C-alpha atoms as a PDB file:
ATOM      1  CA  UNK A   1       0.000   0.000   0.000  1.00  0.00           C
ATOM      2  CA  UNK A   2       1.228   3.475  -0.938  1.00  0.00           C
ATOM      3  CA  UNK A   3       0.462   4.912   2.517  1.00  0.00           C
ATOM      4  CA  UNK A   4       2.862   2.414   4.125  1.00  0.00           C
ATOM      5  CA  UNK A   5       5.775   3.666   2.073  1.00  0.00           C
ATOM      6  CA  UNK A   6       8.227   6.215   3.426  1.00  0.00           C
ATOM      7  CA  UNK A   7       7.408   9.780   2.416  1.00  0.00           C
ATOM      8  CA  UNK A   8      10.338  11.565   0.765  1.00  0.00           C
ATOM      9  CA  UNK A   9       8.528  14.865   0.203  1.00  0.00           C
ATOM     10  CA  UNK A  10       5.252  16.315   1.441  1.00  0.00           C
ATOM     11  CA  UNK A  11       3.691  19.597   0.364  1.00  0.00           C
ATOM     12  CA  UNK A  12       0.900  21.063   2.467  1.00  0.00           C
ATOM     13  CA  UNK A  13      -1.129  23.886   0.878  1.00  0.00           C
ATOM     14  CA  UNK A  14       2.019  25.339  -0.723  1.00  0.00           C
ATOM     15  CA  UNK A  15       1.671  28.790  -2.244  1.00  0.00           C
ATOM     16  CA  UNK A  16       4.086  30.884  -4.243  1.00  0.00           C
ATOM     17  CA  UNK A  17       2.997  34.405  -5.212  1.00  0.00           C
ATOM     18  CA  UNK A  18       5.117  36.911  -7.138  1.00  0.00           C
ATOM     19  CA  UNK A  19       4.293  40.587  -6.446  1.00  0.00           C
ATOM     20  CA  UNK A  20       3.653  42.911  -9.374  1.00  0.00           C
ATOM     21  CA  UNK A  21       4.770  46.531  -9.468  1.00  0.00           C
ATOM     22  CA  UNK A  22       1.352  47.609 -10.703  1.00  0.00           C
ATOM     23  CA  UNK A  23      -1.590  48.053  -8.328  1.00  0.00           C
ATOM     24  CA  UNK A  24      -5.353  48.110  -8.629  1.00  0.00           C
ATOM     25  CA  UNK A  25      -7.297  51.378  -8.814  1.00  0.00           C
ATOM     26  CA  UNK A  26      -7.886  51.057  -5.066  1.00  0.00           C
ATOM     27  CA  UNK A  27      -4.158  50.774  -4.430  1.00  0.00           C
ATOM     28  CA  UNK A  28      -4.189  47.060  -3.591  1.00  0.00           C
ATOM     29  CA  UNK A  29      -1.100  45.028  -4.415  1.00  0.00           C
ATOM     30  CA  UNK A  30      -1.372  42.439  -7.168  1.00  0.00           C
ATOM     31  CA  UNK A  31       0.303  39.046  -7.289  1.00  0.00           C
ATOM     32  CA  UNK A  32       0.986  36.361  -9.875  1.00  0.00           C
ATOM     33  CA  UNK A  33      -0.362  33.258  -8.145  1.00  0.00           C
ATOM     34  CA  UNK A  34       2.049  30.748  -9.619  1.00  0.00           C
ATOM     35  CA  UNK A  35       1.233  28.045  -7.042  1.00  0.00           C
ATOM     36  CA  UNK A  36      -2.043  28.465  -5.209  1.00  0.00           C
ATOM     37  CA  UNK A  37      -2.337  25.834  -2.482  1.00  0.00           C
ATOM     38  CA  UNK A  38      -0.675  22.648  -3.778  1.00  0.00           C
ATOM     39  CA  UNK A  39      -0.666  19.524  -1.587  1.00  0.00           C
ATOM     40  CA  UNK A  40       0.707  16.051  -2.337  1.00  0.00           C
ATOM     41  CA  UNK A  41       3.211  13.443  -1.177  1.00  0.00           C
ATOM     42  CA  UNK A  42       6.078  11.833  -3.063  1.00  0.00           C
ATOM     43  CA  UNK A  43       7.153   8.445  -1.746  1.00  0.00           C
ATOM     44  CA  UNK A  44      10.726   7.259  -1.497  1.00  0.00           C
ATOM     45  CA  UNK A  45      11.943   5.540  -4.663  1.00  0.00           C
ATOM     46  CA  UNK A  46       9.122   6.670  -6.949  1.00  0.00           C
ATOM     47  CA  UNK A  47       8.939   8.977  -9.938  1.00  0.00           C
ATOM     48  CA  UNK A  48       6.177  11.542  -9.530  1.00  0.00           C
ATOM     49  CA  UNK A  49       5.206  13.122 -12.845  1.00  0.00           C
ATOM     50  CA  UNK A  50       3.849  16.667 -12.949  1.00  0.00           C
ATOM     51  CA  UNK A  51       2.142  17.838 -16.159  1.00  0.00           C
ATOM     52  CA  UNK A  52       0.207  20.825 -17.449  1.00  0.00           C
ATOM     53  CA  UNK A  53       0.283  23.603 -20.012  1.00  0.00           C
ATOM     54  CA  UNK A  54       3.079  26.169 -20.132  1.00  0.00           C
ATOM     55  CA  UNK A  55       2.617  28.784 -17.433  1.00  0.00           C
ATOM     56  CA  UNK A  56       0.622  26.584 -15.056  1.00  0.00           C
ATOM     57  CA  UNK A  57       3.314  26.779 -12.344  1.00  0.00           C
ATOM     58  CA  UNK A  58       5.119  23.435 -12.711  1.00  0.00           C
ATOM     59  CA  UNK A  59       8.684  24.764 -12.832  1.00  0.00           C
ATOM     60  CA  UNK A  60       8.002  27.333 -10.111  1.00  0.00           C
ATOM     61  CA  UNK A  61       6.764  24.517  -7.884  1.00  0.00           C
ATOM     62  CA  UNK A  62       9.964  22.533  -8.480  1.00  0.00           C
ATOM     63  CA  UNK A  63      12.166  25.523  -7.675  1.00  0.00           C
ATOM     64  CA  UNK A  64      10.131  26.395  -4.572  1.00  0.00           C
ATOM     65  CA  UNK A  65      10.398  22.829  -3.269  1.00  0.00           C
ATOM     66  CA  UNK A  66      14.190  23.136  -3.421  1.00  0.00           C
ATOM     67  CA  UNK A  67      14.018  26.589  -1.793  1.00  0.00           C
ATOM     68  CA  UNK A  68      15.476  28.230  -4.893  1.00  0.00           C
ATOM     69  CA  UNK A  69      12.355  30.377  -4.450  1.00  0.00           C
ATOM     70  CA  UNK A  70      10.963  31.219  -1.028  1.00  0.00           C
ATOM     71  CA  UNK A  71       7.391  29.948  -0.515  1.00  0.00           C
ATOM     72  CA  UNK A  72       4.650  32.471   0.241  1.00  0.00           C
ATOM     73  CA  UNK A  73       2.692  30.092   2.467  1.00  0.00           C
ATOM     74  CA  UNK A  74       2.216  26.407   3.244  1.00  0.00           C
ATOM     75  CA  UNK A  75       4.761  23.754   4.168  1.00  0.00           C
ATOM     76  CA  UNK A  76       7.581  21.818   2.489  1.00  0.00           C
ATOM     77  CA  UNK A  77       8.624  18.718   4.403  1.00  0.00           C
ATOM     78  CA  UNK A  78      11.701  16.956   3.007  1.00  0.00           C
ATOM     79  CA  UNK A  79      12.560  13.548   4.508  1.00  0.00           C
ATOM     80  CA  UNK A  80      10.672  14.454   7.671  1.00  0.00           C
ATOM     81  CA  UNK A  81      12.284  17.905   8.050  1.00  0.00           C
ATOM     82  CA  UNK A  82      10.240  21.087   7.625  1.00  0.00           C
ATOM     83  CA  UNK A  83      12.379  23.305   5.375  1.00  0.00           C
ATOM     84  CA  UNK A  84       9.704  25.918   4.641  1.00  0.00           C
ATOM     85  CA  UNK A  85      11.166  28.720   6.741  1.00  0.00           C
ATOM     86  CA  UNK A  86      14.592  27.223   7.345  1.00  0.00           C
ATOM     87  CA  UNK A  87      17.371  29.851   6.978  1.00  0.00           C
ATOM     88  CA  UNK A  88      19.210  29.489   3.679  1.00  0.00           C
ATOM     89  CA  UNK A  89      22.521  28.852   5.457  1.00  0.00           C
ATOM     90  CA  UNK A  90      20.945  25.698   6.914  1.00  0.00           C
ATOM     91  CA  UNK A  91      19.237  24.778   3.645  1.00  0.00           C
ATOM     92  CA  UNK A  92      22.708  24.828   2.075  1.00  0.00           C
ATOM     93  CA  UNK A  93      23.695  21.851   4.245  1.00  0.00           C
ATOM     94  CA  UNK A  94      20.720  19.934   2.790  1.00  0.00           C
ATOM     95  CA  UNK A  95      21.630  20.712  -0.833  1.00  0.00           C
ATOM     96  CA  UNK A  96      23.521  17.427  -1.336  1.00  0.00           C
ATOM     97  CA  UNK A  97      20.246  15.588  -0.591  1.00  0.00           C
ATOM     98  CA  UNK A  98      18.169  17.488  -3.155  1.00  0.00           C
ATOM     99  CA  UNK A  99      19.318  18.434  -6.639  1.00  0.00           C
ATOM    100  CA  UNK A 100      17.852  19.671  -9.917  1.00  0.00           C
ATOM    101  CA  UNK A 101      18.326  18.888 -13.610  1.00  0.00           C
ATOM    102  CA  UNK A 102      17.490  22.006 -15.634  1.00  0.00           C
ATOM    103  CA  UNK A 103      15.542  22.237 -18.868  1.00  0.00           C
ATOM    104  CA  UNK A 104      18.164  23.864 -21.081  1.00  0.00           C
ATOM    105  CA  UNK A 105      21.289  21.666 -21.232  1.00  0.00           C
ATOM    106  CA  UNK A 106      23.398  24.543 -22.558  1.00  0.00           C
ATOM    107  CA  UNK A 107      22.510  27.719 -20.633  1.00  0.00           C
ATOM    108  CA  UNK A 108      22.583  25.781 -17.345  1.00  0.00           C
ATOM    109  CA  UNK A 109      26.274  24.929 -17.859  1.00  0.00           C
ATOM    110  CA  UNK A 110      29.088  27.456 -17.342  1.00  0.00           C
ATOM    111  CA  UNK A 111      30.731  27.828 -20.793  1.00  0.00           C
ATOM    112  CA  UNK A 112      34.050  28.810 -19.165  1.00  0.00           C
ATOM    113  CA  UNK A 113      34.354  25.600 -17.150  1.00  0.00           C
ATOM    114  CA  UNK A 114      35.378  22.146 -18.321  1.00  0.00           C
ATOM    115  CA  UNK A 115      33.175  19.126 -17.683  1.00  0.00           C
ATOM    116  CA  UNK A 116      35.405  18.130 -14.774  1.00  0.00           C
ATOM    117  CA  UNK A 117      35.090  21.572 -13.203  1.00  0.00           C
ATOM    118  CA  UNK A 118      31.310  21.662 -13.687  1.00  0.00           C
ATOM    119  CA  UNK A 119      30.790  18.281 -12.013  1.00  0.00           C
ATOM    120  CA  UNK A 120      33.421  18.848  -9.336  1.00  0.00           C
ATOM    121  CA  UNK A 121      32.462  22.377  -8.272  1.00  0.00           C
ATOM    122  CA  UNK A 122      29.779  21.264  -5.798  1.00  0.00           C
ATOM    123  CA  UNK A 123      32.069  18.542  -4.437  1.00  0.00           C
ATOM    124  CA  UNK A 124      34.620  21.193  -3.467  1.00  0.00           C
ATOM    125  CA  UNK A 125      32.030  23.661  -2.170  1.00  0.00           C
ATOM    126  CA  UNK A 126      30.513  21.051   0.144  1.00  0.00           C
ATOM    127  CA  UNK A 127      33.899  19.790   1.341  1.00  0.00           C
ATOM    128  CA  UNK A 128      33.692  16.318  -0.175  1.00  0.00           C
ATOM    129  CA  UNK A 129      37.191  16.907  -1.545  1.00  0.00           C
ATOM    130  CA  UNK A 130      39.841  19.510  -0.742  1.00  0.00           C
ATOM    131  CA  UNK A 131      41.206  22.062  -3.178  1.00  0.00           C
ATOM    132  CA  UNK A 132      44.859  21.780  -4.161  1.00  0.00           C
ATOM    133  CA  UNK A 133      47.157  18.943  -5.195  1.00  0.00           C
ATOM    134  CA  UNK A 134      46.471  16.822  -2.134  1.00  0.00           C
ATOM    135  CA  UNK A 135      43.824  14.257  -2.988  1.00  0.00           C
ATOM    136  CA  UNK A 136      43.661  15.446  -6.605  1.00  0.00           C
ATOM    137  CA  UNK A 137      43.929  11.933  -8.008  1.00  0.00           C
ATOM    138  CA  UNK A 138      41.067  10.656  -5.842  1.00  0.00           C
ATOM    139  CA  UNK A 139      38.990  13.728  -6.775  1.00  0.00           C
ATOM    140  CA  UNK A 140      39.419  13.216 -10.516  1.00  0.00           C
ATOM    141  CA  UNK A 141      38.860   9.479 -10.167  1.00  0.00           C
ATOM    142  CA  UNK A 142      35.501  10.131  -8.496  1.00  0.00           C
ATOM    143  CA  UNK A 143      34.469  12.610 -11.213  1.00  0.00           C
ATOM    144  CA  UNK A 144      35.300  10.044 -13.899  1.00  0.00           C
ATOM    145  CA  UNK A 145      33.242   7.451 -12.037  1.00  0.00           C
ATOM    146  CA  UNK A 146      30.217   9.784 -12.028  1.00  0.00           C
ATOM    147  CA  UNK A 147      30.755  10.610 -15.701  1.00  0.00           C
ATOM    148  CA  UNK A 148      30.867   6.937 -16.646  1.00  0.00           C
ATOM    149  CA  UNK A 149      27.580   6.299 -14.817  1.00  0.00           C
ATOM    150  CA  UNK A 150      26.016   8.957 -17.024  1.00  0.00           C
ATOM    151  CA  UNK A 151      27.452   7.644 -20.286  1.00  0.00           C
ATOM    152  CA  UNK A 152      30.314  10.130 -20.628  1.00  0.00           C
ATOM    153  CA  UNK A 153      33.793   8.947 -21.668  1.00  0.00           C
ATOM    154  CA  UNK A 154      36.939   9.757 -19.680  1.00  0.00           C
ATOM    155  CA  UNK A 155      38.476  11.997 -22.382  1.00  0.00           C
ATOM    156  CA  UNK A 156      35.517  14.411 -22.070  1.00  0.00           C
ATOM    157  CA  UNK A 157      36.612  15.601 -18.627  1.00  0.00           C
ATOM    158  CA  UNK A 158      38.760  18.420 -20.068  1.00  0.00           C
ATOM    159  CA  UNK A 159      36.308  19.563 -22.750  1.00  0.00           C
ATOM    160  CA  UNK A 160      33.914  22.534 -22.651  1.00  0.00           C
ATOM    161  CA  UNK A 161      30.086  22.545 -23.050  1.00  0.00           C
ATOM    162  CA  UNK A 162      30.136  24.019 -26.585  1.00  0.00           C
ATOM    163  CA  UNK A 163      32.017  20.908 -27.775  1.00  0.00           C
ATOM    164  CA  UNK A 164      29.074  18.612 -27.016  1.00  0.00           C
ATOM    165  CA  UNK A 165      25.683  17.806 -28.513  1.00  0.00           C
ATOM    166  CA  UNK A 166      22.450  18.588 -26.662  1.00  0.00           C
ATOM    167  CA  UNK A 167      22.103  15.038 -25.371  1.00  0.00           C
ATOM    168  CA  UNK A 168      25.693  14.973 -24.119  1.00  0.00           C
ATOM    169  CA  UNK A 169      25.229  18.330 -22.383  1.00  0.00           C
ATOM    170  CA  UNK A 170      22.198  16.989 -20.574  1.00  0.00           C
ATOM    171  CA  UNK A 171      24.241  13.992 -19.460  1.00  0.00           C
ATOM    172  CA  UNK A 172      26.713  16.491 -17.986  1.00  0.00           C
ATOM    173  CA  UNK A 173      23.833  18.182 -16.162  1.00  0.00           C
ATOM    174  CA  UNK A 174      22.690  14.818 -14.823  1.00  0.00           C
ATOM    175  CA  UNK A 175      26.243  13.968 -13.708  1.00  0.00           C
ATOM    176  CA  UNK A 176      26.475  17.304 -11.892  1.00  0.00           C
ATOM    177  CA  UNK A 177      23.220  16.550 -10.054  1.00  0.00           C
ATOM    178  CA  UNK A 178      24.340  13.015  -9.239  1.00  0.00           C
ATOM    179  CA  UNK A 179      27.825  13.924  -7.943  1.00  0.00           C
ATOM    180  CA  UNK A 180      26.728  14.698  -4.366  1.00  0.00           C
ATOM    181  CA  UNK A 181      24.773  11.424  -4.024  1.00  0.00           C
ATOM    182  CA  UNK A 182      21.330  13.040  -3.619  1.00  0.00           C
ATOM    183  CA  UNK A 183      18.188  11.150  -2.662  1.00  0.00           C
ATOM    184  CA  UNK A 184      15.730  13.516  -4.386  1.00  0.00           C
ATOM    185  CA  UNK A 185      16.058  15.118  -7.834  1.00  0.00           C
ATOM    186  CA  UNK A 186      13.755  17.578  -9.592  1.00  0.00           C
ATOM    187  CA  UNK A 187      13.848  16.936 -13.342  1.00  0.00           C
ATOM    188  CA  UNK A 188      12.555  20.232 -14.742  1.00  0.00           C
ATOM    189  CA  UNK A 189      11.581  19.560 -18.373  1.00  0.00           C
ATOM    190  CA  UNK A 190      14.802  17.563 -18.574  1.00  0.00           C
ATOM    191  CA  UNK A 191      14.201  16.198 -22.084  1.00  0.00           C
ATOM    192  CA  UNK A 192      11.946  18.821 -23.702  1.00  0.00           C
ATOM    193  CA  UNK A 193      14.860  20.588 -25.457  1.00  0.00           C
ATOM    194  CA  UNK A 194      16.176  17.349 -26.996  1.00  0.00           C
ATOM    195  CA  UNK A 195      15.425  15.472 -30.217  1.00  0.00           C
ATOM    196  CA  UNK A 196      12.939  12.622 -29.849  1.00  0.00           C
ATOM    197  CA  UNK A 197      15.608   9.974 -30.495  1.00  0.00           C
ATOM    198  CA  UNK A 198      17.819  11.457 -27.763  1.00  0.00           C
ATOM    199  CA  UNK A 199      14.893  11.838 -25.347  1.00  0.00           C
ATOM    200  CA  UNK A 200      14.500   8.066 -25.075  1.00  0.00           C
ATOM    201  CA  UNK A 201      18.214   7.650 -24.268  1.00  0.00           C
ATOM    202  CA  UNK A 202      18.049  10.247 -21.466  1.00  0.00           C
ATOM    203  CA  UNK A 203      14.815   8.780 -20.078  1.00  0.00           C
ATOM    204  CA  UNK A 204      16.370   5.308 -20.002  1.00  0.00           C
ATOM    205  CA  UNK A 205      19.458   6.749 -18.293  1.00  0.00           C
ATOM    206  CA  UNK A 206      17.295   8.408 -15.624  1.00  0.00           C
ATOM    207  CA  UNK A 207      15.401   5.154 -15.078  1.00  0.00           C
ATOM    208  CA  UNK A 208      18.646   3.175 -14.714  1.00  0.00           C
ATOM    209  CA  UNK A 209      20.149   5.708 -12.299  1.00  0.00           C
ATOM    210  CA  UNK A 210      16.980   5.644 -10.223  1.00  0.00           C
ATOM    211  CA  UNK A 211      17.384   1.904  -9.651  1.00  0.00           C
ATOM    212  CA  UNK A 212      21.157   1.993  -9.152  1.00  0.00           C
ATOM    213  CA  UNK A 213      21.238   4.970  -6.777  1.00  0.00           C
ATOM    214  CA  UNK A 214      17.816   4.530  -5.109  1.00  0.00           C
ATOM    215  CA  UNK A 215      16.659   7.971  -6.275  1.00  0.00           C
ATOM    216  CA  UNK A 216      13.314   9.727  -5.989  1.00  0.00           C
ATOM    217  CA  UNK A 217      12.247  11.989  -8.873  1.00  0.00           C
ATOM    218  CA  UNK A 218       9.838  14.855  -9.379  1.00  0.00           C
ATOM    219  CA  UNK A 219       9.595  14.744 -13.171  1.00  0.00           C
ATOM    220  CA  UNK A 220       8.133  17.956 -14.614  1.00  0.00           C
ATOM    221  CA  UNK A 221       6.974  17.986 -18.227  1.00  0.00           C
ATOM    222  CA  UNK A 222       4.270  19.236 -20.584  1.00  0.00           C
ATOM    223  CA  UNK A 223       4.562  16.043 -22.665  1.00  0.00           C
ATOM    224  CA  UNK A 224       2.128  13.377 -21.451  1.00  0.00           C
ATOM    225  CA  UNK A 225       3.697  10.648 -23.587  1.00  0.00           C
ATOM    226  CA  UNK A 226       7.096  11.255 -21.951  1.00  0.00           C
ATOM    227  CA  UNK A 227       5.597  11.325 -18.453  1.00  0.00           C
ATOM    228  CA  UNK A 228       3.780   8.053 -19.126  1.00  0.00           C
ATOM    229  CA  UNK A 229       7.068   6.361 -19.964  1.00  0.00           C
ATOM    230  CA  UNK A 230       8.882   7.223 -16.730  1.00  0.00           C
ATOM    231  CA  UNK A 231       6.345   8.034 -13.980  1.00  0.00           C
ATOM    232  CA  UNK A 232       4.679   5.932 -11.276  1.00  0.00           C
ATOM    233  CA  UNK A 233       2.081   8.516 -10.285  1.00  0.00           C
ATOM    234  CA  UNK A 234       1.075  11.687 -12.096  1.00  0.00           C
ATOM    235  CA  UNK A 235      -0.294  15.043 -10.954  1.00  0.00           C
ATOM    236  CA  UNK A 236      -2.054  17.389 -13.384  1.00  0.00           C
ATOM    237  CA  UNK A 237      -1.732  21.151 -12.799  1.00  0.00           C
ATOM    238  CA  UNK A 238      -3.939  23.939 -14.082  1.00  0.00           C
ATOM    239  CA  UNK A 239      -3.403  27.611 -13.291  1.00  0.00           C
ATOM    240  CA  UNK A 240      -1.410  26.940 -10.125  1.00  0.00           C
ATOM    241  CA  UNK A 241      -3.720  24.218  -8.791  1.00  0.00           C
ATOM    242  CA  UNK A 242      -3.449  20.441  -8.763  1.00  0.00           C
ATOM    243  CA  UNK A 243      -6.681  19.217 -10.385  1.00  0.00           C
ATOM    244  CA  UNK A 244      -6.010  15.464 -10.584  1.00  0.00           C
ATOM    245  CA  UNK A 245      -3.559  12.968  -9.107  1.00  0.00           C
ATOM    246  CA  UNK A 246      -3.492   9.242  -9.800  1.00  0.00           C
ATOM    247  CA  UNK A 247      -1.331   6.198 -10.504  1.00  0.00           C
ATOM    248  CA  UNK A 248      -0.185   6.205 -14.133  1.00  0.00           C
ATOM    249  CA  UNK A 249      -2.444   3.392 -15.333  1.00  0.00           C
ATOM    250  CA  UNK A 250      -5.554   4.816 -13.687  1.00  0.00           C
ATOM    251  CA  UNK A 251      -4.961   8.309 -15.077  1.00  0.00           C
ATOM    252  CA  UNK A 252      -4.398   7.231 -18.672  1.00  0.00           C
ATOM    253  CA  UNK A 253      -7.158   4.625 -18.802  1.00  0.00           C
ATOM    254  CA  UNK A 254      -9.851   6.601 -16.998  1.00  0.00           C
ATOM    255  CA  UNK A 255      -9.154  10.321 -16.432  1.00  0.00           C
ATOM    256  CA  UNK A 256     -11.669  12.003 -14.145  1.00  0.00           C
ATOM    257  CA  UNK A 257     -11.024  15.692 -14.810  1.00  0.00           C
ATOM    258  CA  UNK A 258     -12.138  17.340 -18.086  1.00  0.00           C
ATOM    259  CA  UNK A 259      -8.777  19.097 -18.383  1.00  0.00           C
ATOM    260  CA  UNK A 260      -6.884  15.798 -18.098  1.00  0.00           C
ATOM    261  CA  UNK A 261      -9.218  14.241 -20.671  1.00  0.00           C
ATOM    262  CA  UNK A 262      -8.502  17.105 -23.079  1.00  0.00           C
ATOM    263  CA  UNK A 263      -4.727  16.820 -22.594  1.00  0.00           C
ATOM    264  CA  UNK A 264      -4.783  13.064 -23.193  1.00  0.00           C
ATOM    265  CA  UNK A 265      -6.866  13.460 -26.354  1.00  0.00           C
ATOM    266  CA  UNK A 266      -4.060  15.586 -27.826  1.00  0.00           C
ATOM    267  CA  UNK A 267      -1.304  12.994 -27.257  1.00  0.00           C
ATOM    268  CA  UNK A 268      -0.037  11.698 -30.648  1.00  0.00           C
ATOM    269  CA  UNK A 269      -0.538   7.976 -31.174  1.00  0.00           C
ATOM    270  CA  UNK A 270       0.449   5.377 -33.773  1.00  0.00           C
ATOM    271  CA  UNK A 271      -2.821   3.507 -33.331  1.00  0.00           C
ATOM    272  CA  UNK A 272      -5.453   3.864 -36.060  1.00  0.00           C
ATOM    273  CA  UNK A 273      -8.419   4.874 -33.928  1.00  0.00           C
ATOM    274  CA  UNK A 274     -10.993   6.507 -36.193  1.00  0.00           C
ATOM    275  CA  UNK A 275     -13.295   7.269 -33.279  1.00  0.00           C
ATOM    276  CA  UNK A 276     -10.704   9.203 -31.300  1.00  0.00           C
ATOM    277  CA  UNK A 277     -11.041  12.965 -31.659  1.00  0.00           C
ATOM    278  CA  UNK A 278      -9.133  15.793 -30.071  1.00  0.00           C
ATOM    279  CA  UNK A 279     -11.020  17.773 -27.452  1.00  0.00           C
ATOM    280  CA  UNK A 280     -10.514  21.431 -28.344  1.00  0.00           C
ATOM    281  CA  UNK A 281     -10.705  23.672 -25.302  1.00  0.00           C
ATOM    282  CA  UNK A 282     -12.303  27.009 -26.111  1.00  0.00           C
ATOM    283  CA  UNK A 283     -10.913  30.311 -24.944  1.00  0.00           C
ATOM    284  CA  UNK A 284      -7.528  31.339 -23.586  1.00  0.00           C
ATOM    285  CA  UNK A 285      -5.923  30.389 -20.277  1.00  0.00           C
ATOM    286  CA  UNK A 286      -7.140  32.929 -17.686  1.00  0.00           C
ATOM    287  CA  UNK A 287      -4.724  35.237 -15.916  1.00  0.00           C
ATOM    288  CA  UNK A 288      -3.173  33.858 -12.746  1.00  0.00           C
ATOM    289  CA  UNK A 289      -3.167  37.410 -11.401  1.00  0.00           C
ATOM    290  CA  UNK A 290      -6.976  37.471 -11.338  1.00  0.00           C
ATOM    291  CA  UNK A 291      -8.003  33.799 -11.636  1.00  0.00           C
ATOM    292  CA  UNK A 292     -11.698  32.931 -12.181  1.00  0.00           C
ATOM    293  CA  UNK A 293     -13.954  32.412  -9.181  1.00  0.00           C
ATOM    294  CA  UNK A 294     -15.171  28.931  -8.267  1.00  0.00           C
ATOM    295  CA  UNK A 295     -13.460  26.263 -10.362  1.00  0.00           C
ATOM    296  CA  UNK A 296     -10.577  27.915 -12.235  1.00  0.00           C
ATOM    297  CA  UNK A 297     -11.220  25.682 -15.249  1.00  0.00           C
ATOM    298  CA  UNK A 298     -14.891  26.641 -15.699  1.00  0.00           C
ATOM    299  CA  UNK A 299     -14.129  29.291 -18.357  1.00  0.00           C
ATOM    300  CA  UNK A 300     -12.912  26.549 -20.746  1.00  0.00           C
ATOM    301  CA  UNK A 301     -14.720  23.461 -19.484  1.00  0.00           C
ATOM    302  CA  UNK A 302     -17.455  21.886 -21.689  1.00  0.00           C
ATOM    303  CA  UNK A 303     -19.141  20.474 -18.564  1.00  0.00           C
ATOM    304  CA  UNK A 304     -19.261  23.739 -16.585  1.00  0.00           C
ATOM    305  CA  UNK A 305     -22.469  24.925 -14.930  1.00  0.00           C
ATOM    306  CA  UNK A 306     -23.396  27.853 -12.718  1.00  0.00           C
ATOM    307  CA  UNK A 307     -22.230  25.829  -9.720  1.00  0.00           C
ATOM    308  CA  UNK A 308     -18.710  25.676 -11.178  1.00  0.00           C
ATOM    309  CA  UNK A 309     -18.639  29.477 -11.484  1.00  0.00           C
ATOM    310  CA  UNK A 310     -19.651  30.014  -7.869  1.00  0.00           C
ATOM    311  CA  UNK A 311     -18.198  27.117  -5.873  1.00  0.00           C
ATOM    312  CA  UNK A 312     -14.648  25.730  -5.873  1.00  0.00           C
ATOM    313  CA  UNK A 313     -14.708  21.899  -6.056  1.00  0.00           C
ATOM    314  CA  UNK A 314     -13.312  19.828  -3.199  1.00  0.00           C
ATOM    315  CA  UNK A 315     -10.252  17.573  -3.478  1.00  0.00           C
ATOM    316  CA  UNK A 316     -11.749  14.054  -3.391  1.00  0.00           C
ATOM    317  CA  UNK A 317     -10.425  10.502  -3.546  1.00  0.00           C
ATOM    318  CA  UNK A 318     -12.861   8.916  -6.004  1.00  0.00           C
ATOM    319  CA  UNK A 319     -11.158   5.535  -6.060  1.00  0.00           C
ATOM    320  CA  UNK A 320      -8.004   4.034  -4.591  1.00  0.00           C
ATOM    321  CA  UNK A 321      -5.213   6.675  -4.786  1.00  0.00           C
ATOM    322  CA  UNK A 322      -7.088   8.553  -7.535  1.00  0.00           C
ATOM    323  CA  UNK A 323      -7.872  12.145  -6.502  1.00  0.00           C
ATOM    324  CA  UNK A 324      -9.684  14.822  -8.489  1.00  0.00           C
ATOM    325  CA  UNK A 325     -10.997  18.353  -8.048  1.00  0.00           C
ATOM    326  CA  UNK A 326     -14.202  18.503 -10.120  1.00  0.00           C
ATOM    327  CA  UNK A 327     -17.944  18.804  -9.393  1.00  0.00           C
ATOM    328  CA  UNK A 328     -18.916  16.624 -12.358  1.00  0.00           C
ATOM    329  CA  UNK A 329     -16.090  14.090 -12.645  1.00  0.00           C
ATOM    330  CA  UNK A 330     -18.604  11.303 -13.354  1.00  0.00           C
ATOM    331  CA  UNK A 331     -19.571  13.080 -16.597  1.00  0.00           C
ATOM    332  CA  UNK A 332     -16.019  13.199 -17.974  1.00  0.00           C
ATOM    333  CA  UNK A 333     -16.575   9.916 -19.843  1.00  0.00           C
ATOM    334  CA  UNK A 334     -19.309  11.578 -21.911  1.00  0.00           C
ATOM    335  CA  UNK A 335     -16.864  14.119 -23.376  1.00  0.00           C
ATOM    336  CA  UNK A 336     -16.011  13.502 -27.006  1.00  0.00           C
ATOM    337  CA  UNK A 337     -12.412  12.548 -27.550  1.00  0.00           C
END
């Protein structure tokens, strides 16, 4: 049972608001509500997929979890420790436990550093190895070991990022994240900038490393086909809110939220299914500065009623480990798609 597993990360009503310089006519401050009360658990050793359209707050959530952004409200509990308001000097001591793989495998690497320097920088900063000639051989040996785990050859240690392909650069980013032996890694759109053929190689590498190093992943992506390949459970975000959360099989076979159903209908497939049609959502994504009242999705939802405009739906467990936030989840099957 999932509840018997050890919790690696727990979010409780986490909020992240960014203040705007502009104000309302009444002089009230305005905020971009990037994350507006997100709660879920990630269990040790699993890959938790997080999907949604661009701008829904996925990457902000990942950065806030790692305290690269300070949360506005709520709680972040990492391996049983509340890090929500922990001073950054103390968070720094936890950095080896929690790492991130960035989306862009080029801009996230220092072009003036060699591969060895990029991977080894954190090792020196956290005192795993000492600077200088003493212990240099052991230091370089360890870097080569990490590189080899990530599919990088020894001769690459003295090369610079511009000398590599996109897939190789991402392997360098993965090696950098892996160097400190973390237990939790945020993969922020880690394969979205890569060719499809290279994506599968990186996904397989991440899956292998997860088993070998006993890692836990938060895998952020807008691509539902990629998330399906690597994730154990999947959360669906819309306008800063989590609207559905379920085990992979349950989500793909029987989505309960109209937004999830629409996203899944747009996933490319090789199957010749003449009856399958894309569900086209009408209208634009509302502003997360002034989100709609009631259910945030009601402005685009084909099932919306007056109740949806007035009343925010509750977060309910409809079946085992399958949660949804929708007044009319039982009608989702009737949607064309």
